[in-house]
Amino acid sequence: MTWTVSLVECVPNVSEGRRLAVISSMADAMARIPDARVLDVSSDPSHNRSVFTLAGEPAPLEHAVLALVERAVADIDLRTQRGEHPRVGAVDVVPFVPLGTTPMSACVDLAKHVGKAISARFGIPVYLYEHASADPHRSHLEDIRRGGLAALTERMKQPAWAPDFGPRTPHPTAGVTVVGARRPLIAFNVNLASDRLDVAKQIARTVRQSGGGLPCVKALGLRLRDRGIVQVSMNLTDYERTSLPRAFDAVRDEATRLGVSVRESEIVGLVPAAALSGVTPADVGLSDFDANQILERRLERTAGS
């Protein structure tokens, strides 16, 4: 397909995955912005998290993100929100991803502009991450989010942890938002036929890059309470270095070593077509994969809408 030079993908993660009316309200607020294309909405009640995928040029995406934050501030209260997925904000993370020939620098500029606008309009502290960050010691999302909002609140008292924009204390109900620019990422979860959280955490430690495992893999072991099983939740930050089959095989092999079998896997949100080249769903344990989860297909379907 033909890409426009300034086409950008935006993948906001929001700390609400259970209240369908609230999720629909946020999606509708973004969809009402002209030229902001809402490609996908994926919600998980155990994680209590929703992942929205949008595409468009920078200006419509900025307006869409601000519309999302407005609804989230009105409807989400982190003081009572509970979920398995780590988070520091109602709108937890807002990454911008260059598509086609769009340069990363355009997404860096957009992240800085949107981050400043969020803090100015809503009084939410904003941290920049990945390519948008100027501070290597806090450029990775997991470093900012380590220990959750309570731990970040304490770090914010240190000069080295002052937010890039906004106040030095979290918003009372919306917490902190992290905004950045990054390469395409695949959110890939492998569910185990077990309720042993210790096993899921051990597998995650083994396969993730920080534990000496696969390059460009971040992983957590999480409990899916509503299903009575556990999950190895991964982000593949460079699928050319660690492919979906390689990540799946690593989890399956370690699970087998620990006496546990894999139940199935899932891709959260959309995935670039190139990541699935030569891969069948069965190769990576996908039992319910929809071809409409391919990013390029969604873009084609929404072109001109």
C-alpha atoms as a PDB file:
ATOM      1  CA  MET A   1       0.000   0.000   0.000  1.00  0.00           C
ATOM      2  CA  THR A   2       1.026   3.644  -0.353  1.00  0.00           C
ATOM      3  CA  TRP A   3       2.174   5.349   2.845  1.00  0.00           C
ATOM      4  CA  THR A   4       2.005   9.097   3.353  1.00  0.00           C
ATOM      5  CA  VAL A   5       5.272  10.673   4.437  1.00  0.00           C
ATOM      6  CA  SER A   6       3.864  11.922   7.735  1.00  0.00           C
ATOM      7  CA  LEU A   7       1.828   8.845   8.667  1.00  0.00           C
ATOM      8  CA  VAL A   8       2.239   7.951  12.336  1.00  0.00           C
ATOM      9  CA  GLU A   9       0.866   5.137  14.483  1.00  0.00           C
ATOM     10  CA  CYS A  10      -0.140   5.877  18.067  1.00  0.00           C
ATOM     11  CA  VAL A  11      -0.800   3.109  20.617  1.00  0.00           C
ATOM     12  CA  PRO A  12      -2.145   4.542  23.898  1.00  0.00           C
ATOM     13  CA  ASN A  13      -2.425   2.093  26.809  1.00  0.00           C
ATOM     14  CA  VAL A  14      -5.150   2.983  29.309  1.00  0.00           C
ATOM     15  CA  SER A  15      -5.750   1.568  32.796  1.00  0.00           C
ATOM     16  CA  GLU A  16      -9.285   0.341  32.161  1.00  0.00           C
ATOM     17  CA  GLY A  17     -10.232  -2.992  30.641  1.00  0.00           C
ATOM     18  CA  ARG A  18     -13.471  -3.927  32.369  1.00  0.00           C
ATOM     19  CA  ARG A  19     -16.049  -1.150  32.089  1.00  0.00           C
ATOM     20  CA  LEU A  20     -17.175  -1.367  28.479  1.00  0.00           C
ATOM     21  CA  ALA A  21     -19.044   1.938  28.542  1.00  0.00           C
ATOM     22  CA  VAL A  22     -15.924   3.775  29.683  1.00  0.00           C
ATOM     23  CA  ILE A  23     -13.795   2.077  27.031  1.00  0.00           C
ATOM     24  CA  SER A  24     -16.338   2.907  24.305  1.00  0.00           C
ATOM     25  CA  SER A  25     -16.491   6.512  25.483  1.00  0.00           C
ATOM     26  CA  MET A  26     -12.718   6.869  25.090  1.00  0.00           C
ATOM     27  CA  ALA A  27     -12.726   5.249  21.647  1.00  0.00           C
ATOM     28  CA  ASP A  28     -15.616   7.426  20.506  1.00  0.00           C
ATOM     29  CA  ALA A  29     -13.886  10.591  21.701  1.00  0.00           C
ATOM     30  CA  MET A  30     -10.879   9.788  19.515  1.00  0.00           C
ATOM     31  CA  ALA A  31     -12.968   8.676  16.551  1.00  0.00           C
ATOM     32  CA  ARG A  32     -14.725  12.056  16.507  1.00  0.00           C
ATOM     33  CA  ILE A  33     -11.439  13.781  15.661  1.00  0.00           C
ATOM     34  CA  PRO A  34     -11.304  14.311  11.864  1.00  0.00           C
ATOM     35  CA  ASP A  35      -8.530  12.320  10.175  1.00  0.00           C
ATOM     36  CA  ALA A  36      -7.619  10.367  13.332  1.00  0.00           C
ATOM     37  CA  ARG A  37      -8.242   6.741  12.379  1.00  0.00           C
ATOM     38  CA  VAL A  38      -9.031   4.383  15.252  1.00  0.00           C
ATOM     39  CA  LEU A  39      -7.768   1.064  13.904  1.00  0.00           C
ATOM     40  CA  ASP A  40      -8.220  -1.223  16.886  1.00  0.00           C
ATOM     41  CA  VAL A  41      -9.359  -1.466  20.496  1.00  0.00           C
ATOM     42  CA  SER A  42      -8.106  -4.418  22.582  1.00  0.00           C
ATOM     43  CA  SER A  43      -9.201  -4.788  26.216  1.00  0.00           C
ATOM     44  CA  ASP A  44      -8.215  -7.306  28.876  1.00  0.00           C
ATOM     45  CA  PRO A  45     -10.237  -7.544  32.111  1.00  0.00           C
ATOM     46  CA  SER A  46      -7.511  -9.381  34.049  1.00  0.00           C
ATOM     47  CA  HIS A  47      -4.914  -6.789  33.112  1.00  0.00           C
ATOM     48  CA  ASN A  48      -7.652  -4.134  33.513  1.00  0.00           C
ATOM     49  CA  ARG A  49      -6.076  -2.405  30.544  1.00  0.00           C
ATOM     50  CA  SER A  50      -7.075  -1.320  27.047  1.00  0.00           C
ATOM     51  CA  VAL A  51      -4.778  -0.766  24.101  1.00  0.00           C
ATOM     52  CA  PHE A  52      -5.972   1.580  21.370  1.00  0.00           C
ATOM     53  CA  THR A  53      -4.300   1.770  17.965  1.00  0.00           C
ATOM     54  CA  LEU A  54      -4.634   4.937  15.915  1.00  0.00           C
ATOM     55  CA  ALA A  55      -3.045   6.223  12.738  1.00  0.00           C
ATOM     56  CA  GLY A  56      -2.896   9.586  11.060  1.00  0.00           C
ATOM     57  CA  GLU A  57      -0.813  12.679  10.620  1.00  0.00           C
ATOM     58  CA  PRO A  58       0.616  14.422  13.702  1.00  0.00           C
ATOM     59  CA  ALA A  59      -2.009  17.135  14.223  1.00  0.00           C
ATOM     60  CA  PRO A  60      -5.077  14.836  14.285  1.00  0.00           C
ATOM     61  CA  LEU A  61      -3.244  12.384  16.546  1.00  0.00           C
ATOM     62  CA  GLU A  62      -2.443  15.144  19.014  1.00  0.00           C
ATOM     63  CA  HIS A  63      -6.114  16.134  19.210  1.00  0.00           C
ATOM     64  CA  ALA A  64      -7.160  12.489  19.550  1.00  0.00           C
ATOM     65  CA  VAL A  65      -4.759  11.831  22.425  1.00  0.00           C
ATOM     66  CA  LEU A  66      -5.941  14.943  24.261  1.00  0.00           C
ATOM     67  CA  ALA A  67      -9.547  13.805  23.782  1.00  0.00           C
ATOM     68  CA  LEU A  68      -8.602  10.408  25.213  1.00  0.00           C
ATOM     69  CA  VAL A  69      -6.891  11.934  28.234  1.00  0.00           C
ATOM     70  CA  GLU A  70      -9.915  14.139  28.899  1.00  0.00           C
ATOM     71  CA  ARG A  71     -12.210  11.121  29.056  1.00  0.00           C
ATOM     72  CA  ALA A  72      -9.732   9.066  31.090  1.00  0.00           C
ATOM     73  CA  VAL A  73      -9.304  11.794  33.699  1.00  0.00           C
ATOM     74  CA  ALA A  74     -13.085  11.997  34.039  1.00  0.00           C
ATOM     75  CA  ASP A  75     -13.693   8.244  34.266  1.00  0.00           C
ATOM     76  CA  ILE A  76     -10.630   6.513  35.776  1.00  0.00           C
ATOM     77  CA  ASP A  77      -9.473   6.818  39.376  1.00  0.00           C
ATOM     78  CA  LEU A  78      -6.180   5.077  40.097  1.00  0.00           C
ATOM     79  CA  ARG A  79      -6.934   5.129  43.820  1.00  0.00           C
ATOM     80  CA  THR A  80      -9.497   2.390  43.256  1.00  0.00           C
ATOM     81  CA  GLN A  81      -8.289   0.855  39.974  1.00  0.00           C
ATOM     82  CA  ARG A  82      -6.912  -2.680  40.289  1.00  0.00           C
ATOM     83  CA  GLY A  83      -5.376  -4.885  37.630  1.00  0.00           C
ATOM     84  CA  GLU A  84      -2.552  -7.342  37.007  1.00  0.00           C
ATOM     85  CA  HIS A  85      -0.633  -5.133  34.568  1.00  0.00           C
ATOM     86  CA  PRO A  86       1.867  -2.620  35.989  1.00  0.00           C
ATOM     87  CA  ARG A  87       0.819   1.008  35.492  1.00  0.00           C
ATOM     88  CA  VAL A  88       1.530   4.530  36.729  1.00  0.00           C
ATOM     89  CA  GLY A  89      -1.287   6.424  35.038  1.00  0.00           C
ATOM     90  CA  ALA A  90      -4.897   6.399  33.918  1.00  0.00           C
ATOM     91  CA  VAL A  91      -3.475   7.008  30.461  1.00  0.00           C
ATOM     92  CA  ASP A  92      -0.380   4.987  31.235  1.00  0.00           C
ATOM     93  CA  VAL A  93       1.734   5.218  28.111  1.00  0.00           C
ATOM     94  CA  VAL A  94       1.370   6.974  24.751  1.00  0.00           C
ATOM     95  CA  PRO A  95       3.923   5.843  22.144  1.00  0.00           C
ATOM     96  CA  PHE A  96       4.224   7.312  18.648  1.00  0.00           C
ATOM     97  CA  VAL A  97       5.600   5.022  15.937  1.00  0.00           C
ATOM     98  CA  PRO A  98       6.800   6.174  12.485  1.00  0.00           C
ATOM     99  CA  LEU A  99       5.242   4.372   9.530  1.00  0.00           C
ATOM    100  CA  GLY A 100       6.618   4.167   6.013  1.00  0.00           C
ATOM    101  CA  THR A 101       9.177   6.904   5.340  1.00  0.00           C
ATOM    102  CA  THR A 102       8.150   9.038   8.298  1.00  0.00           C
ATOM    103  CA  PRO A 103      11.361   9.798  10.223  1.00  0.00           C
ATOM    104  CA  MET A 104      11.688   8.957  13.904  1.00  0.00           C
ATOM    105  CA  SER A 105      12.463  12.626  14.508  1.00  0.00           C
ATOM    106  CA  ALA A 106       8.867  13.499  13.564  1.00  0.00           C
ATOM    107  CA  CYS A 107       7.593  11.175  16.300  1.00  0.00           C
ATOM    108  CA  VAL A 108      10.075  12.617  18.804  1.00  0.00           C
ATOM    109  CA  ASP A 109       8.795  16.123  18.076  1.00  0.00           C
ATOM    110  CA  LEU A 110       5.191  14.923  18.325  1.00  0.00           C
ATOM    111  CA  ALA A 111       5.825  13.148  21.639  1.00  0.00           C
ATOM    112  CA  LYS A 112       7.355  16.268  23.156  1.00  0.00           C
ATOM    113  CA  HIS A 113       4.531  18.469  21.877  1.00  0.00           C
ATOM    114  CA  VAL A 114       1.797  16.132  23.100  1.00  0.00           C
ATOM    115  CA  GLY A 115       3.502  15.526  26.442  1.00  0.00           C
ATOM    116  CA  LYS A 116       3.719  19.257  27.096  1.00  0.00           C
ATOM    117  CA  ALA A 117       0.068  19.709  26.096  1.00  0.00           C
ATOM    118  CA  ILE A 118      -1.116  16.919  28.422  1.00  0.00           C
ATOM    119  CA  SER A 119       0.669  18.418  31.407  1.00  0.00           C
ATOM    120  CA  ALA A 120      -0.505  21.959  30.634  1.00  0.00           C
ATOM    121  CA  ARG A 121      -4.158  21.068  30.090  1.00  0.00           C
ATOM    122  CA  PHE A 122      -4.684  18.401  32.747  1.00  0.00           C
ATOM    123  CA  GLY A 123      -1.972  18.972  35.357  1.00  0.00           C
ATOM    124  CA  ILE A 124      -0.569  15.466  34.831  1.00  0.00           C
ATOM    125  CA  PRO A 125       3.201  14.913  35.164  1.00  0.00           C
ATOM    126  CA  VAL A 126       4.637  13.563  31.920  1.00  0.00           C
ATOM    127  CA  TYR A 127       7.817  11.582  31.358  1.00  0.00           C
ATOM    128  CA  LEU A 128       9.329  11.115  27.914  1.00  0.00           C
ATOM    129  CA  TYR A 129      10.721   7.709  26.988  1.00  0.00           C
ATOM    130  CA  GLU A 130      12.666   5.803  24.344  1.00  0.00           C
ATOM    131  CA  HIS A 131      13.758   8.053  21.449  1.00  0.00           C
ATOM    132  CA  ALA A 132      11.981  11.093  22.925  1.00  0.00           C
ATOM    133  CA  SER A 133      13.939  10.935  26.185  1.00  0.00           C
ATOM    134  CA  ALA A 134      17.129  12.899  26.764  1.00  0.00           C
ATOM    135  CA  ASP A 135      17.960  10.933  29.941  1.00  0.00           C
ATOM    136  CA  PRO A 136      19.426   7.449  29.324  1.00  0.00           C
ATOM    137  CA  HIS A 137      18.868   6.316  32.929  1.00  0.00           C
ATOM    138  CA  ARG A 138      15.091   6.739  32.553  1.00  0.00           C
ATOM    139  CA  SER A 139      14.524   6.266  28.843  1.00  0.00           C
ATOM    140  CA  HIS A 140      13.077   2.760  29.194  1.00  0.00           C
ATOM    141  CA  LEU A 141       9.434   2.419  30.168  1.00  0.00           C
ATOM    142  CA  GLU A 142      10.152  -0.324  32.685  1.00  0.00           C
ATOM    143  CA  ASP A 143      12.587   1.946  34.534  1.00  0.00           C
ATOM    144  CA  ILE A 144       9.997   4.686  34.865  1.00  0.00           C
ATOM    145  CA  ARG A 145       7.286   2.246  35.912  1.00  0.00           C
ATOM    146  CA  ARG A 146       9.452   0.169  38.277  1.00  0.00           C
ATOM    147  CA  GLY A 147       7.703  -0.279  41.618  1.00  0.00           C
ATOM    148  CA  GLY A 148       4.460   1.236  40.357  1.00  0.00           C
ATOM    149  CA  LEU A 149       3.062   4.677  41.063  1.00  0.00           C
ATOM    150  CA  ALA A 150       3.974   4.632  44.755  1.00  0.00           C
ATOM    151  CA  ALA A 151       7.666   4.074  44.021  1.00  0.00           C
ATOM    152  CA  LEU A 152       7.671   6.624  41.203  1.00  0.00           C
ATOM    153  CA  THR A 153       6.058   9.170  43.512  1.00  0.00           C
ATOM    154  CA  GLU A 154       9.034   8.819  45.863  1.00  0.00           C
ATOM    155  CA  ARG A 155      11.566   9.055  43.024  1.00  0.00           C
ATOM    156  CA  MET A 156       9.906  12.218  41.765  1.00  0.00           C
ATOM    157  CA  LYS A 157      11.224  14.005  44.854  1.00  0.00           C
ATOM    158  CA  GLN A 158      14.757  13.555  43.512  1.00  0.00           C
ATOM    159  CA  PRO A 159      16.062  16.195  41.072  1.00  0.00           C
ATOM    160  CA  ALA A 160      17.124  13.464  38.633  1.00  0.00           C
ATOM    161  CA  TRP A 161      13.533  12.209  38.493  1.00  0.00           C
ATOM    162  CA  ALA A 162      11.719  15.479  37.916  1.00  0.00           C
ATOM    163  CA  PRO A 163       9.115  14.972  35.147  1.00  0.00           C
ATOM    164  CA  ASP A 164       9.863  16.325  31.712  1.00  0.00           C
ATOM    165  CA  PHE A 165       6.622  18.298  31.924  1.00  0.00           C
ATOM    166  CA  GLY A 166       4.208  19.165  34.695  1.00  0.00           C
ATOM    167  CA  PRO A 167       4.186  19.058  38.485  1.00  0.00           C
ATOM    168  CA  ARG A 168       6.517  17.074  40.768  1.00  0.00           C
ATOM    169  CA  THR A 169       3.622  15.108  42.264  1.00  0.00           C
ATOM    170  CA  PRO A 170       1.197  12.750  40.488  1.00  0.00           C
ATOM    171  CA  HIS A 171      -2.283  13.842  39.520  1.00  0.00           C
ATOM    172  CA  PRO A 172      -4.555  12.737  42.406  1.00  0.00           C
ATOM    173  CA  THR A 173      -6.648  10.360  40.285  1.00  0.00           C
ATOM    174  CA  ALA A 174      -4.838  10.081  36.934  1.00  0.00           C
ATOM    175  CA  GLY A 175      -1.275   9.563  38.176  1.00  0.00           C
ATOM    176  CA  VAL A 176       1.497  10.042  35.629  1.00  0.00           C
ATOM    177  CA  THR A 177       1.592   9.626  31.858  1.00  0.00           C
ATOM    178  CA  VAL A 178       4.597   8.411  29.860  1.00  0.00           C
ATOM    179  CA  VAL A 179       4.851   9.643  26.267  1.00  0.00           C
ATOM    180  CA  GLY A 180       7.449   8.557  23.750  1.00  0.00           C
ATOM    181  CA  ALA A 181       8.629   7.646  20.293  1.00  0.00           C
ATOM    182  CA  ARG A 182       9.639   4.089  19.452  1.00  0.00           C
ATOM    183  CA  ARG A 183       9.969   1.435  16.790  1.00  0.00           C
ATOM    184  CA  PRO A 184       7.092  -0.983  16.082  1.00  0.00           C
ATOM    185  CA  LEU A 185       6.447  -3.325  18.997  1.00  0.00           C
ATOM    186  CA  ILE A 186       4.539  -6.607  19.193  1.00  0.00           C
ATOM    187  CA  ALA A 187       2.613  -7.327  22.396  1.00  0.00           C
ATOM    188  CA  PHE A 188       2.704 -11.122  22.548  1.00  0.00           C
ATOM    189  CA  ASN A 189       1.269 -13.128  25.449  1.00  0.00           C
ATOM    190  CA  VAL A 190       1.696 -16.853  26.059  1.00  0.00           C
ATOM    191  CA  ASN A 191      -0.820 -18.448  28.424  1.00  0.00           C
ATOM    192  CA  LEU A 192       0.228 -21.472  30.438  1.00  0.00           C
ATOM    193  CA  ALA A 193      -1.912 -24.448  31.435  1.00  0.00           C
ATOM    194  CA  SER A 194      -1.123 -23.720  35.066  1.00  0.00           C
ATOM    195  CA  ASP A 195      -2.000 -21.391  37.920  1.00  0.00           C
ATOM    196  CA  ARG A 196       1.577 -21.262  39.226  1.00  0.00           C
ATOM    197  CA  LEU A 197       2.667 -17.641  39.174  1.00  0.00           C
ATOM    198  CA  ASP A 198       6.180 -18.595  40.268  1.00  0.00           C
ATOM    199  CA  VAL A 199       6.591 -20.607  37.060  1.00  0.00           C
ATOM    200  CA  ALA A 200       5.365 -17.743  34.854  1.00  0.00           C
ATOM    201  CA  LYS A 201       7.746 -15.334  36.582  1.00  0.00           C
ATOM    202  CA  GLN A 202      10.656 -17.751  36.225  1.00  0.00           C
ATOM    203  CA  ILE A 203       9.991 -18.157  32.505  1.00  0.00           C
ATOM    204  CA  ALA A 204       9.754 -14.389  32.090  1.00  0.00           C
ATOM    205  CA  ARG A 205      13.102 -13.911  33.848  1.00  0.00           C
ATOM    206  CA  THR A 206      14.693 -16.522  31.619  1.00  0.00           C
ATOM    207  CA  VAL A 207      13.454 -15.259  28.242  1.00  0.00           C
ATOM    208  CA  ARG A 208      13.743 -11.486  28.680  1.00  0.00           C
ATOM    209  CA  GLN A 209      16.834  -9.623  27.577  1.00  0.00           C
ATOM    210  CA  SER A 210      17.513  -8.106  31.011  1.00  0.00           C
ATOM    211  CA  GLY A 211      17.829 -11.625  32.431  1.00  0.00           C
ATOM    212  CA  GLY A 212      20.288 -12.738  29.763  1.00  0.00           C
ATOM    213  CA  GLY A 213      17.617 -14.151  27.467  1.00  0.00           C
ATOM    214  CA  LEU A 214      16.428 -13.107  24.044  1.00  0.00           C
ATOM    215  CA  PRO A 215      17.452  -9.750  22.585  1.00  0.00           C
ATOM    216  CA  CYS A 216      14.747  -7.076  22.395  1.00  0.00           C
ATOM    217  CA  VAL A 217      12.337  -9.045  24.591  1.00  0.00           C
ATOM    218  CA  LYS A 218      10.673  -7.672  27.711  1.00  0.00           C
ATOM    219  CA  ALA A 219       8.634 -10.127  29.755  1.00  0.00           C
ATOM    220  CA  LEU A 220       6.523 -10.378  32.895  1.00  0.00           C
ATOM    221  CA  GLY A 221       4.796 -13.264  34.610  1.00  0.00           C
ATOM    222  CA  LEU A 222       1.183 -12.358  35.397  1.00  0.00           C
ATOM    223  CA  ARG A 223      -1.849 -14.065  36.906  1.00  0.00           C
ATOM    224  CA  LEU A 224      -5.133 -14.137  34.959  1.00  0.00           C
ATOM    225  CA  ARG A 225      -7.452 -14.441  37.935  1.00  0.00           C
ATOM    226  CA  ASP A 226     -10.662 -14.622  35.932  1.00  0.00           C
ATOM    227  CA  ARG A 227      -9.355 -17.642  34.010  1.00  0.00           C
ATOM    228  CA  GLY A 228      -7.422 -19.379  36.784  1.00  0.00           C
ATOM    229  CA  ILE A 229      -4.190 -19.483  34.770  1.00  0.00           C
ATOM    230  CA  VAL A 230      -0.933 -17.566  34.468  1.00  0.00           C
ATOM    231  CA  GLN A 231       0.632 -15.773  31.542  1.00  0.00           C
ATOM    232  CA  VAL A 232       4.031 -14.792  30.205  1.00  0.00           C
ATOM    233  CA  SER A 233       3.380 -11.320  28.825  1.00  0.00           C
ATOM    234  CA  MET A 234       6.025 -10.152  26.359  1.00  0.00           C
ATOM    235  CA  ASN A 235       6.885  -7.091  24.329  1.00  0.00           C
ATOM    236  CA  LEU A 236       9.023  -7.803  21.269  1.00  0.00           C
ATOM    237  CA  THR A 237      10.680  -4.457  20.656  1.00  0.00           C
ATOM    238  CA  ASP A 238      12.476  -5.566  17.484  1.00  0.00           C
ATOM    239  CA  TYR A 239      10.829  -8.523  15.757  1.00  0.00           C
ATOM    240  CA  GLU A 240      13.659  -8.691  13.220  1.00  0.00           C
ATOM    241  CA  ARG A 241      16.102  -9.607  16.007  1.00  0.00           C
ATOM    242  CA  THR A 242      13.726 -11.850  17.959  1.00  0.00           C
ATOM    243  CA  SER A 243      10.876 -13.222  15.885  1.00  0.00           C
ATOM    244  CA  LEU A 244       7.499 -14.415  17.103  1.00  0.00           C
ATOM    245  CA  PRO A 245       8.444 -18.112  16.606  1.00  0.00           C
ATOM    246  CA  ARG A 246      11.713 -17.661  18.470  1.00  0.00           C
ATOM    247  CA  ALA A 247       9.978 -15.999  21.422  1.00  0.00           C
ATOM    248  CA  PHE A 248       7.226 -18.628  21.498  1.00  0.00           C
ATOM    249  CA  ASP A 249       9.678 -21.520  21.318  1.00  0.00           C
ATOM    250  CA  ALA A 250      11.744 -20.053  24.164  1.00  0.00           C
ATOM    251  CA  VAL A 251       8.686 -19.813  26.431  1.00  0.00           C
ATOM    252  CA  ARG A 252       7.445 -23.277  25.471  1.00  0.00           C
ATOM    253  CA  ASP A 253      10.848 -24.889  26.003  1.00  0.00           C
ATOM    254  CA  GLU A 254      11.344 -23.285  29.410  1.00  0.00           C
ATOM    255  CA  ALA A 255       7.784 -24.179  30.422  1.00  0.00           C
ATOM    256  CA  THR A 256       8.426 -27.804  29.432  1.00  0.00           C
ATOM    257  CA  ARG A 257      11.622 -27.808  31.482  1.00  0.00           C
ATOM    258  CA  LEU A 258       9.603 -26.633  34.485  1.00  0.00           C
ATOM    259  CA  GLY A 259       6.907 -29.258  33.958  1.00  0.00           C
ATOM    260  CA  VAL A 260       4.203 -26.972  32.552  1.00  0.00           C
ATOM    261  CA  SER A 261       2.573 -26.905  29.115  1.00  0.00           C
ATOM    262  CA  VAL A 262       1.563 -23.960  26.943  1.00  0.00           C
ATOM    263  CA  ARG A 263      -2.168 -23.436  26.523  1.00  0.00           C
ATOM    264  CA  GLU A 264      -2.260 -20.812  23.754  1.00  0.00           C
ATOM    265  CA  SER A 265      -0.857 -17.440  22.773  1.00  0.00           C
ATOM    266  CA  GLU A 266      -2.304 -14.097  21.719  1.00  0.00           C
ATOM    267  CA  ILE A 267      -1.240 -10.904  19.998  1.00  0.00           C
ATOM    268  CA  VAL A 268      -2.600  -7.777  21.646  1.00  0.00           C
ATOM    269  CA  GLY A 269      -3.528  -5.059  19.174  1.00  0.00           C
ATOM    270  CA  LEU A 270      -2.054  -5.016  15.693  1.00  0.00           C
ATOM    271  CA  VAL A 271       1.041  -6.571  14.184  1.00  0.00           C
ATOM    272  CA  PRO A 272       3.128  -5.554  11.131  1.00  0.00           C
ATOM    273  CA  ALA A 273       2.714  -7.907   8.178  1.00  0.00           C
ATOM    274  CA  ALA A 274       6.469  -8.449   7.990  1.00  0.00           C
ATOM    275  CA  ALA A 275       6.465 -10.028  11.457  1.00  0.00           C
ATOM    276  CA  LEU A 276       4.172 -12.793  10.158  1.00  0.00           C
ATOM    277  CA  SER A 277       6.023 -13.497   6.921  1.00  0.00           C
ATOM    278  CA  GLY A 278       6.419 -17.259   6.646  1.00  0.00           C
ATOM    279  CA  VAL A 279       4.688 -17.783  10.001  1.00  0.00           C
ATOM    280  CA  THR A 280       1.416 -19.656  10.490  1.00  0.00           C
ATOM    281  CA  PRO A 281      -0.737 -19.097  13.593  1.00  0.00           C
ATOM    282  CA  ALA A 282      -0.019 -22.661  14.687  1.00  0.00           C
ATOM    283  CA  ASP A 283       3.716 -21.953  14.635  1.00  0.00           C
ATOM    284  CA  VAL A 284       3.319 -19.564  17.554  1.00  0.00           C
ATOM    285  CA  GLY A 285       0.325 -21.057  19.365  1.00  0.00           C
ATOM    286  CA  LEU A 286      -2.250 -18.529  18.142  1.00  0.00           C
ATOM    287  CA  SER A 287      -5.652 -20.150  18.500  1.00  0.00           C
ATOM    288  CA  ASP A 288      -7.821 -17.128  17.738  1.00  0.00           C
ATOM    289  CA  PHE A 289      -5.807 -14.955  15.371  1.00  0.00           C
ATOM    290  CA  ASP A 290      -7.762 -12.683  13.041  1.00  0.00           C
ATOM    291  CA  ALA A 291      -6.059 -11.532   9.836  1.00  0.00           C
ATOM    292  CA  ASN A 292      -7.604  -8.134  10.486  1.00  0.00           C
ATOM    293  CA  GLN A 293      -5.016  -7.776  13.255  1.00  0.00           C
ATOM    294  CA  ILE A 294      -2.437  -7.102  10.555  1.00  0.00           C
ATOM    295  CA  LEU A 295      -1.621  -3.389  10.667  1.00  0.00           C
ATOM    296  CA  GLU A 296      -1.460  -2.837   6.935  1.00  0.00           C
ATOM    297  CA  ARG A 297      -4.838  -4.497   6.404  1.00  0.00           C
ATOM    298  CA  ARG A 298      -6.479  -2.215   8.968  1.00  0.00           C
ATOM    299  CA  LEU A 299      -4.901   0.821   7.354  1.00  0.00           C
ATOM    300  CA  GLU A 300      -6.237  -0.206   3.968  1.00  0.00           C
ATOM    301  CA  ARG A 301      -9.734  -0.742   5.383  1.00  0.00           C
ATOM    302  CA  THR A 302      -9.809   2.676   7.015  1.00  0.00           C
ATOM    303  CA  ALA A 303      -8.170   4.655   4.212  1.00  0.00           C
ATOM    304  CA  GLY A 304     -10.383   7.556   3.235  1.00  0.00           C
ATOM    305  CA  SER A 305     -12.709   7.051   6.197  1.00  0.00           C
END
